[in-house]
């Protein structure tokens, strides 16, 4: 019984170390560089969060029809598109 408990404790400890190392490496990875200013397009889109009602105005995006941002773990709804 003692040998089984010790072996399972070692395996559990190794698992915790491996998961911790994975998360530390994710923090050490630098974020991708921002796109060149010339590649962004001007857009005027207003989005609203369906959960809490927060509003966001998007003024530039990589494409003319960008994906809606997320807030409160939900996609925001397009309220106004000024073109």
Protein backbone atom coordinates (compact mmCIF):
# COMPACT_ATOMS: atom_id res chain seq x y z
CA UNK A 1 0.00 0.00 0.00
CA UNK A 2 2.84 2.37 0.83
CA UNK A 3 4.59 1.68 -2.49
CA UNK A 4 1.40 2.32 -4.48
CA UNK A 5 0.76 5.60 -2.65
CA UNK A 6 4.34 6.76 -3.22
CA UNK A 7 4.24 5.85 -6.92
CA UNK A 8 0.92 7.62 -7.45
CA UNK A 9 2.21 10.69 -5.60
CA UNK A 10 5.29 10.82 -7.85
CA UNK A 11 3.15 10.47 -10.99
CA UNK A 12 0.71 13.14 -9.80
CA UNK A 13 3.60 15.48 -8.98
CA UNK A 14 5.13 14.91 -12.42
CA UNK A 15 1.77 15.70 -14.01
CA UNK A 16 1.48 18.95 -12.05
CA UNK A 17 5.02 19.96 -13.06
CA UNK A 18 4.33 19.17 -16.73
CA UNK A 19 1.11 21.20 -16.80
CA UNK A 20 2.81 24.09 -14.98
CA UNK A 21 5.73 24.04 -17.43
CA UNK A 22 3.28 24.14 -20.36
CA UNK A 23 1.56 27.26 -18.97
CA UNK A 24 4.88 28.98 -18.24
CA UNK A 25 6.02 28.40 -21.83
CA UNK A 26 2.79 29.96 -23.10
CA UNK A 27 3.56 33.14 -21.13
CA UNK A 28 7.13 33.18 -22.47
CA UNK A 29 5.98 33.08 -26.12
CA UNK A 30 5.93 36.66 -27.44
CA UNK A 31 2.72 37.89 -29.08
CA UNK A 32 2.76 38.15 -32.87
CA UNK A 33 3.88 41.51 -34.27
CA UNK A 34 1.09 43.94 -35.18
CA UNK A 35 0.19 44.18 -38.87
CA UNK A 36 1.69 46.96 -40.95
CA UNK A 37 -0.35 50.17 -40.78
CA UNK A 38 -1.00 50.03 -44.53
CA UNK A 39 -2.74 46.66 -44.29
CA UNK A 40 -5.51 47.85 -41.98
CA UNK A 41 -8.71 49.12 -43.55
CA UNK A 42 -10.87 51.91 -42.16
CA UNK A 43 -14.24 50.68 -40.95
CA UNK A 44 -16.89 52.29 -38.76
CA UNK A 45 -18.76 49.49 -37.03
CA UNK A 46 -20.55 49.63 -33.68
CA UNK A 47 -21.15 46.44 -31.72
CA UNK A 48 -23.21 45.79 -28.58
CA UNK A 49 -22.83 42.94 -26.08
CA UNK A 50 -26.14 41.05 -25.80
CA UNK A 51 -25.39 40.09 -22.18
CA UNK A 52 -24.33 43.34 -20.48
CA UNK A 53 -25.03 46.01 -23.11
CA UNK A 54 -21.44 47.26 -23.48
CA UNK A 55 -20.81 48.98 -26.82
CA UNK A 56 -17.63 49.01 -28.92
CA UNK A 57 -16.82 51.05 -32.03
CA UNK A 58 -14.37 49.41 -34.41
CA UNK A 59 -12.49 51.96 -36.52
CA UNK A 60 -9.94 49.78 -38.34
CA UNK A 61 -9.73 46.09 -39.24
CA UNK A 62 -7.66 43.75 -41.39
CA UNK A 63 -10.67 43.02 -43.63
CA UNK A 64 -13.70 45.02 -44.72
CA UNK A 65 -16.05 42.54 -43.01
CA UNK A 66 -14.29 41.55 -39.75
CA UNK A 67 -15.57 38.96 -37.30
CA UNK A 68 -17.48 40.50 -34.39
CA UNK A 69 -15.53 40.94 -31.16
CA UNK A 70 -16.36 38.83 -28.11
CA UNK A 71 -17.52 40.14 -24.73
CA UNK A 72 -18.97 38.22 -21.78
CA UNK A 73 -17.96 35.04 -23.64
CA UNK A 74 -20.46 35.83 -26.46
CA UNK A 75 -20.10 37.38 -29.91
CA UNK A 76 -21.21 41.01 -29.95
CA UNK A 77 -24.11 42.07 -32.20
CA UNK A 78 -23.63 44.60 -34.99
CA UNK A 79 -25.66 47.71 -34.15
CA UNK A 80 -24.59 50.27 -36.76
CA UNK A 81 -22.45 50.31 -39.86
CA UNK A 82 -21.55 53.82 -41.05
CA UNK A 83 -20.21 53.75 -44.60
